[in-house]
Amino acid sequence: FNDISGIETVQILRYAARMALYDFERQMNPIMERGGLAWSCLWDGFPGTGKTSLLKVGKTRLHERMEQIQGAWAQYGQLWEWIVLDDRFKDEFYGKSGKNFRAELEKAANPRMLHWIEWEDIDLWMEDRDNTTGGAGKDLLNIGMQFLDGGGTVVRGNALNNATTNEPTGLDNALRQRFHIRFDASGPETWYHFADLLKIKLKPLIAGGK
């Protein structure tokens, strides 16, 4: 966690820890009942600002928490999974892409597991509604918006949708509004951030006494 600089990690760590409070017997997260856990987050930032590292931090924290509690819920078997959504859906045969995309999203309807869902570089594979080219991108856009609206699932606090975008202005406005919370992932900007990055890079040399 200390090897990340220039991007805020507190919120993603908080969400990961709160997901692990899910009550598998009641099939509801008590934090969700009090409005303390988002259903969907959008992380805006240009390439190289640390969005992928940020999500790795969140997954690592969730994995740590689940290892701590898995004994208490052992009767439920596998307790959590990662679901990665990316441009491979758009590249599939037209008509099949939407079906496969919907099948991936439907996994989140399983109340017996936690679902960490990553929408990677969403602006690259979901077309704007104003785009006249049509095709699989618009099918994916419609399916994605319906899902983020809560269609086809019950928001229990056992799933978190984390989406990243490389070009904030390149995302369809209606899709952007579907995300409950939007964060700026602008990367290192201040002298403190760059000094911190230098310290991280020099850590192996410092440890070796050089």
C-alpha atoms as a PDB file:
ATOM      1  CA  PHE A   1       0.000   0.000   0.000  1.00  0.00           C
ATOM      2  CA  ASN A   2       2.907   2.327   0.657  1.00  0.00           C
ATOM      3  CA  ASP A   3       4.225   1.885  -2.899  1.00  0.00           C
ATOM      4  CA  ILE A   4       1.413   3.995  -4.345  1.00  0.00           C
ATOM      5  CA  SER A   5       1.857   7.741  -4.621  1.00  0.00           C
ATOM      6  CA  GLY A   6       0.052  10.549  -6.372  1.00  0.00           C
ATOM      7  CA  ILE A   7      -3.388   8.950  -6.228  1.00  0.00           C
ATOM      8  CA  GLU A   8      -5.821   8.690  -3.336  1.00  0.00           C
ATOM      9  CA  THR A   9      -6.104   5.137  -1.987  1.00  0.00           C
ATOM     10  CA  VAL A  10      -8.109   5.768   1.196  1.00  0.00           C
ATOM     11  CA  GLN A  11     -11.526   5.482  -0.437  1.00  0.00           C
ATOM     12  CA  ILE A  12     -10.827   2.258  -2.321  1.00  0.00           C
ATOM     13  CA  LEU A  13      -9.361   0.687   0.841  1.00  0.00           C
ATOM     14  CA  ARG A  14     -12.436   1.737   2.790  1.00  0.00           C
ATOM     15  CA  TYR A  15     -14.818   0.223   0.242  1.00  0.00           C
ATOM     16  CA  ALA A  16     -12.867  -3.046   0.131  1.00  0.00           C
ATOM     17  CA  ALA A  17     -12.930  -3.349   3.935  1.00  0.00           C
ATOM     18  CA  ARG A  18     -16.647  -2.579   4.059  1.00  0.00           C
ATOM     19  CA  MET A  19     -17.435  -5.205   1.430  1.00  0.00           C
ATOM     20  CA  ALA A  20     -15.887  -7.818   3.713  1.00  0.00           C
ATOM     21  CA  LEU A  21     -18.549  -7.026   6.346  1.00  0.00           C
ATOM     22  CA  TYR A  22     -21.146  -8.738   4.159  1.00  0.00           C
ATOM     23  CA  ASP A  23     -23.437 -11.071   6.101  1.00  0.00           C
ATOM     24  CA  PHE A  24     -23.632 -14.254   4.014  1.00  0.00           C
ATOM     25  CA  GLU A  25     -26.432 -15.630   6.174  1.00  0.00           C
ATOM     26  CA  ARG A  26     -28.689 -12.601   5.818  1.00  0.00           C
ATOM     27  CA  GLN A  27     -27.364 -11.946   2.302  1.00  0.00           C
ATOM     28  CA  MET A  28     -27.040  -8.242   3.028  1.00  0.00           C
ATOM     29  CA  ASN A  29     -24.206  -5.921   3.957  1.00  0.00           C
ATOM     30  CA  PRO A  30     -25.071  -3.933   7.104  1.00  0.00           C
ATOM     31  CA  ILE A  31     -23.029  -1.021   5.773  1.00  0.00           C
ATOM     32  CA  MET A  32     -25.228  -0.889   2.666  1.00  0.00           C
ATOM     33  CA  GLU A  33     -28.308  -0.541   4.858  1.00  0.00           C
ATOM     34  CA  ARG A  34     -26.775   2.640   6.253  1.00  0.00           C
ATOM     35  CA  GLY A  35     -25.680   4.063   2.923  1.00  0.00           C
ATOM     36  CA  GLY A  36     -21.969   3.605   3.529  1.00  0.00           C
ATOM     37  CA  LEU A  37     -21.003   1.525   0.500  1.00  0.00           C
ATOM     38  CA  ALA A  38     -21.163   2.555  -3.133  1.00  0.00           C
ATOM     39  CA  TRP A  39     -22.525   0.278  -5.853  1.00  0.00           C
ATOM     40  CA  SER A  40     -20.426   1.846  -8.601  1.00  0.00           C
ATOM     41  CA  CYS A  41     -17.348   4.088  -8.839  1.00  0.00           C
ATOM     42  CA  LEU A  42     -15.749   5.765 -11.842  1.00  0.00           C
ATOM     43  CA  TRP A  43     -12.048   6.633 -11.707  1.00  0.00           C
ATOM     44  CA  ASP A  44     -11.138   9.344 -14.226  1.00  0.00           C
ATOM     45  CA  GLY A  45      -7.534   9.786 -15.250  1.00  0.00           C
ATOM     46  CA  PHE A  46      -5.213   9.828 -18.227  1.00  0.00           C
ATOM     47  CA  PRO A  47      -3.039   6.769 -19.015  1.00  0.00           C
ATOM     48  CA  GLY A  48      -0.219   6.165 -16.550  1.00  0.00           C
ATOM     49  CA  THR A  49      -1.757   7.975 -13.575  1.00  0.00           C
ATOM     50  CA  GLY A  50      -2.039   4.807 -11.451  1.00  0.00           C
ATOM     51  CA  LYS A  51      -5.631   3.638 -11.933  1.00  0.00           C
ATOM     52  CA  THR A  52      -4.651  -0.009 -12.435  1.00  0.00           C
ATOM     53  CA  SER A  53      -2.394   0.116  -9.371  1.00  0.00           C
ATOM     54  CA  LEU A  54      -5.245   1.660  -7.417  1.00  0.00           C
ATOM     55  CA  LEU A  55      -7.564  -1.248  -8.199  1.00  0.00           C
ATOM     56  CA  LYS A  56      -4.825  -3.727  -7.309  1.00  0.00           C
ATOM     57  CA  VAL A  57      -4.584  -2.052  -3.918  1.00  0.00           C
ATOM     58  CA  GLY A  58      -8.325  -2.461  -3.429  1.00  0.00           C
ATOM     59  CA  LYS A  59      -8.288  -6.124  -4.440  1.00  0.00           C
ATOM     60  CA  THR A  60      -5.364  -6.805  -2.132  1.00  0.00           C
ATOM     61  CA  ARG A  61      -7.172  -5.261   0.838  1.00  0.00           C
ATOM     62  CA  LEU A  62     -10.330  -7.242   0.067  1.00  0.00           C
ATOM     63  CA  HIS A  63      -8.298 -10.448  -0.228  1.00  0.00           C
ATOM     64  CA  GLU A  64      -6.696  -9.773   3.166  1.00  0.00           C
ATOM     65  CA  ARG A  65     -10.051  -9.187   4.821  1.00  0.00           C
ATOM     66  CA  MET A  66     -11.611 -12.282   3.260  1.00  0.00           C
ATOM     67  CA  GLU A  67      -8.741 -14.459   4.460  1.00  0.00           C
ATOM     68  CA  GLN A  68      -9.427 -13.213   7.975  1.00  0.00           C
ATOM     69  CA  ILE A  69     -13.106 -14.151   7.931  1.00  0.00           C
ATOM     70  CA  GLN A  70     -13.300 -17.150   5.598  1.00  0.00           C
ATOM     71  CA  GLY A  71     -13.286 -19.568   8.538  1.00  0.00           C
ATOM     72  CA  ALA A  72     -16.512 -18.076   9.876  1.00  0.00           C
ATOM     73  CA  TRP A  73     -18.265 -18.597   6.535  1.00  0.00           C
ATOM     74  CA  ALA A  74     -16.547 -21.806   5.411  1.00  0.00           C
ATOM     75  CA  GLN A  75     -19.880 -23.544   4.781  1.00  0.00           C
ATOM     76  CA  TYR A  76     -20.536 -21.175   1.879  1.00  0.00           C
ATOM     77  CA  GLY A  77     -17.509 -22.342  -0.122  1.00  0.00           C
ATOM     78  CA  GLN A  78     -15.869 -19.777  -2.404  1.00  0.00           C
ATOM     79  CA  LEU A  79     -16.640 -16.384  -0.935  1.00  0.00           C
ATOM     80  CA  TRP A  80     -15.528 -13.915  -3.579  1.00  0.00           C
ATOM     81  CA  GLU A  81     -14.440 -13.472  -7.196  1.00  0.00           C
ATOM     82  CA  TRP A  82     -12.999 -10.904  -9.580  1.00  0.00           C
ATOM     83  CA  ILE A  83     -14.883 -10.038 -12.740  1.00  0.00           C
ATOM     84  CA  VAL A  84     -12.931  -8.159 -15.406  1.00  0.00           C
ATOM     85  CA  LEU A  85     -14.815  -6.355 -18.179  1.00  0.00           C
ATOM     86  CA  ASP A  86     -12.775  -4.952 -21.057  1.00  0.00           C
ATOM     87  CA  ASP A  87     -12.643  -4.409 -24.816  1.00  0.00           C
ATOM     88  CA  ARG A  88     -12.581  -8.137 -25.602  1.00  0.00           C
ATOM     89  CA  PHE A  89     -16.385  -8.040 -25.577  1.00  0.00           C
ATOM     90  CA  LYS A  90     -16.463  -5.449 -28.342  1.00  0.00           C
ATOM     91  CA  ASP A  91     -14.083  -7.502 -30.483  1.00  0.00           C
ATOM     92  CA  GLU A  92     -16.287 -10.583 -30.433  1.00  0.00           C
ATOM     93  CA  PHE A  93     -18.631 -11.563 -33.253  1.00  0.00           C
ATOM     94  CA  TYR A  94     -21.444  -9.044 -33.482  1.00  0.00           C
ATOM     95  CA  GLY A  95     -24.531 -10.287 -31.628  1.00  0.00           C
ATOM     96  CA  LYS A  96     -22.506 -12.589 -29.409  1.00  0.00           C
ATOM     97  CA  SER A  97     -20.694  -9.811 -27.570  1.00  0.00           C
ATOM     98  CA  GLY A  98     -23.826  -8.516 -25.840  1.00  0.00           C
ATOM     99  CA  LYS A  99     -24.852 -12.020 -24.765  1.00  0.00           C
ATOM    100  CA  ASN A 100     -21.455 -12.775 -23.237  1.00  0.00           C
ATOM    101  CA  PHE A 101     -21.284  -9.349 -21.601  1.00  0.00           C
ATOM    102  CA  ARG A 102     -24.684  -9.842 -19.993  1.00  0.00           C
ATOM    103  CA  ALA A 103     -23.648 -13.302 -18.761  1.00  0.00           C
ATOM    104  CA  GLU A 104     -20.639 -11.794 -16.977  1.00  0.00           C
ATOM    105  CA  LEU A 105     -22.767  -9.138 -15.315  1.00  0.00           C
ATOM    106  CA  GLU A 106     -25.352 -11.693 -14.189  1.00  0.00           C
ATOM    107  CA  LYS A 107     -22.705 -13.270 -11.949  1.00  0.00           C
ATOM    108  CA  ALA A 108     -23.166 -10.308  -9.616  1.00  0.00           C
ATOM    109  CA  ALA A 109     -26.721 -11.484  -8.899  1.00  0.00           C
ATOM    110  CA  ASN A 110     -25.335 -14.400  -6.862  1.00  0.00           C
ATOM    111  CA  PRO A 111     -25.919 -13.368  -3.210  1.00  0.00           C
ATOM    112  CA  ARG A 112     -23.626 -16.094  -1.843  1.00  0.00           C
ATOM    113  CA  MET A 113     -20.429 -14.394  -3.040  1.00  0.00           C
ATOM    114  CA  LEU A 114     -18.692 -11.015  -3.121  1.00  0.00           C
ATOM    115  CA  HIS A 115     -18.063  -9.647  -6.602  1.00  0.00           C
ATOM    116  CA  TRP A 116     -15.251  -7.186  -7.336  1.00  0.00           C
ATOM    117  CA  ILE A 117     -16.072  -5.956 -10.844  1.00  0.00           C
ATOM    118  CA  GLU A 118     -13.565  -3.983 -12.908  1.00  0.00           C
ATOM    119  CA  TRP A 119     -14.640  -2.113 -16.045  1.00  0.00           C
ATOM    120  CA  GLU A 120     -11.243  -1.453 -17.622  1.00  0.00           C
ATOM    121  CA  ASP A 121     -10.797   1.621 -19.852  1.00  0.00           C
ATOM    122  CA  ILE A 122     -14.531   1.820 -20.350  1.00  0.00           C
ATOM    123  CA  ASP A 123     -14.288   4.740 -22.767  1.00  0.00           C
ATOM    124  CA  LEU A 124     -12.473   2.513 -25.301  1.00  0.00           C
ATOM    125  CA  TRP A 125     -15.213  -0.083 -25.783  1.00  0.00           C
ATOM    126  CA  MET A 126     -18.538   1.560 -24.977  1.00  0.00           C
ATOM    127  CA  GLU A 127     -19.601   3.881 -27.774  1.00  0.00           C
ATOM    128  CA  ASP A 128     -21.273   7.210 -27.262  1.00  0.00           C
ATOM    129  CA  ARG A 129     -24.979   7.184 -28.166  1.00  0.00           C
ATOM    130  CA  ASP A 130     -24.304  10.017 -30.622  1.00  0.00           C
ATOM    131  CA  ASN A 131     -21.872   7.825 -32.563  1.00  0.00           C
ATOM    132  CA  THR A 132     -23.535   6.900 -35.846  1.00  0.00           C
ATOM    133  CA  THR A 133     -21.424   3.815 -36.538  1.00  0.00           C
ATOM    134  CA  GLY A 134     -23.595   1.502 -34.407  1.00  0.00           C
ATOM    135  CA  GLY A 135     -22.400  -2.027 -33.747  1.00  0.00           C
ATOM    136  CA  ALA A 136     -21.453  -3.956 -30.629  1.00  0.00           C
ATOM    137  CA  GLY A 137     -20.315  -0.851 -28.735  1.00  0.00           C
ATOM    138  CA  LYS A 138     -23.853   0.495 -28.487  1.00  0.00           C
ATOM    139  CA  ASP A 139     -25.238  -2.869 -27.427  1.00  0.00           C
ATOM    140  CA  LEU A 140     -22.686  -2.977 -24.637  1.00  0.00           C
ATOM    141  CA  LEU A 141     -23.543   0.596 -23.660  1.00  0.00           C
ATOM    142  CA  ASN A 142     -27.254  -0.197 -23.283  1.00  0.00           C
ATOM    143  CA  ILE A 143     -26.614  -3.404 -21.340  1.00  0.00           C
ATOM    144  CA  GLY A 144     -24.093  -1.664 -19.097  1.00  0.00           C
ATOM    145  CA  MET A 145     -26.394   1.248 -18.281  1.00  0.00           C
ATOM    146  CA  GLN A 146     -29.276  -1.091 -17.412  1.00  0.00           C
ATOM    147  CA  PHE A 147     -27.020  -3.057 -15.094  1.00  0.00           C
ATOM    148  CA  LEU A 148     -25.619   0.025 -13.355  1.00  0.00           C
ATOM    149  CA  ASP A 149     -29.186   1.196 -12.818  1.00  0.00           C
ATOM    150  CA  GLY A 150     -29.700  -1.970 -10.780  1.00  0.00           C
ATOM    151  CA  GLY A 151     -31.594  -3.901 -13.427  1.00  0.00           C
ATOM    152  CA  GLY A 152     -31.434  -7.686 -13.088  1.00  0.00           C
ATOM    153  CA  THR A 153     -29.862  -7.679  -9.639  1.00  0.00           C
ATOM    154  CA  VAL A 154     -30.449  -6.656  -6.051  1.00  0.00           C
ATOM    155  CA  VAL A 155     -27.986  -4.191  -4.564  1.00  0.00           C
ATOM    156  CA  ARG A 156     -26.974  -6.034  -1.391  1.00  0.00           C
ATOM    157  CA  GLY A 157     -23.517  -4.643  -0.738  1.00  0.00           C
ATOM    158  CA  ASN A 158     -21.783  -7.761  -2.057  1.00  0.00           C
ATOM    159  CA  ALA A 159     -20.688  -6.197  -5.359  1.00  0.00           C
ATOM    160  CA  LEU A 160     -18.623  -3.148  -6.252  1.00  0.00           C
ATOM    161  CA  ASN A 161     -18.260  -1.865  -9.812  1.00  0.00           C
ATOM    162  CA  ASN A 162     -14.991  -0.005 -10.377  1.00  0.00           C
ATOM    163  CA  ALA A 163     -14.629   1.558 -13.810  1.00  0.00           C
ATOM    164  CA  THR A 164     -11.645   3.427 -15.223  1.00  0.00           C
ATOM    165  CA  THR A 165     -11.481   5.849 -18.114  1.00  0.00           C
ATOM    166  CA  ASN A 166      -8.483   7.294 -19.948  1.00  0.00           C
ATOM    167  CA  GLU A 167     -10.383  10.222 -21.426  1.00  0.00           C
ATOM    168  CA  PRO A 168     -13.007  11.716 -19.112  1.00  0.00           C
ATOM    169  CA  THR A 169     -14.717  13.624 -21.909  1.00  0.00           C
ATOM    170  CA  GLY A 170     -14.836  10.567 -24.164  1.00  0.00           C
ATOM    171  CA  LEU A 171     -17.424   8.710 -22.109  1.00  0.00           C
ATOM    172  CA  ASP A 172     -21.134   8.826 -22.906  1.00  0.00           C
ATOM    173  CA  ASN A 173     -22.755  11.311 -20.511  1.00  0.00           C
ATOM    174  CA  ALA A 174     -25.679   9.027 -19.678  1.00  0.00           C
ATOM    175  CA  LEU A 175     -23.282   6.229 -18.784  1.00  0.00           C
ATOM    176  CA  ARG A 176     -21.185   8.564 -16.648  1.00  0.00           C
ATOM    177  CA  GLN A 177     -24.272   9.557 -14.656  1.00  0.00           C
ATOM    178  CA  ARG A 178     -24.953   5.885 -13.853  1.00  0.00           C
ATOM    179  CA  PHE A 179     -21.926   5.747 -11.575  1.00  0.00           C
ATOM    180  CA  HIS A 180     -22.812   6.683  -8.012  1.00  0.00           C
ATOM    181  CA  ILE A 181     -19.412   8.205  -7.244  1.00  0.00           C
ATOM    182  CA  ARG A 182     -16.769   9.667  -9.562  1.00  0.00           C
ATOM    183  CA  PHE A 183     -13.166  10.222  -8.505  1.00  0.00           C
ATOM    184  CA  ASP A 184     -10.297  12.145 -10.053  1.00  0.00           C
ATOM    185  CA  ALA A 185      -7.305   9.864 -10.645  1.00  0.00           C
ATOM    186  CA  SER A 186      -4.998  12.556 -11.983  1.00  0.00           C
ATOM    187  CA  GLY A 187      -1.777  10.959 -10.712  1.00  0.00           C
ATOM    188  CA  PRO A 188       1.219  12.761  -9.182  1.00  0.00           C
ATOM    189  CA  GLU A 189       1.002  16.542  -9.440  1.00  0.00           C
ATOM    190  CA  THR A 190       2.741  18.130  -6.448  1.00  0.00           C
ATOM    191  CA  TRP A 191       6.396  18.171  -5.428  1.00  0.00           C
ATOM    192  CA  TYR A 192       5.472  15.926  -2.498  1.00  0.00           C
ATOM    193  CA  HIS A 193       4.100  13.256  -4.853  1.00  0.00           C
ATOM    194  CA  PHE A 194       7.260  13.242  -6.968  1.00  0.00           C
ATOM    195  CA  ALA A 195       9.497  13.178  -3.901  1.00  0.00           C
ATOM    196  CA  ASP A 196       7.496  10.230  -2.620  1.00  0.00           C
ATOM    197  CA  LEU A 197       7.846   8.445  -5.969  1.00  0.00           C
ATOM    198  CA  LEU A 198      11.614   8.994  -5.896  1.00  0.00           C
ATOM    199  CA  LYS A 199      11.767   7.472  -2.420  1.00  0.00           C
ATOM    200  CA  ILE A 200       9.801   4.441  -3.607  1.00  0.00           C
ATOM    201  CA  LYS A 201      12.091   3.940  -6.618  1.00  0.00           C
ATOM    202  CA  LEU A 202      15.210   4.245  -4.467  1.00  0.00           C
ATOM    203  CA  LYS A 203      13.935   1.854  -1.808  1.00  0.00           C
ATOM    204  CA  PRO A 204      15.963  -1.172  -3.113  1.00  0.00           C
ATOM    205  CA  LEU A 205      19.158   0.899  -3.117  1.00  0.00           C
ATOM    206  CA  ILE A 206      18.465   2.291   0.335  1.00  0.00           C
ATOM    207  CA  ALA A 207      17.804  -1.223   1.657  1.00  0.00           C
ATOM    208  CA  GLY A 208      21.114  -2.337   0.165  1.00  0.00           C
ATOM    209  CA  GLY A 209      22.985   0.466   1.945  1.00  0.00           C
ATOM    210  CA  LYS A 210      23.847   2.377  -1.252  1.00  0.00           C
END
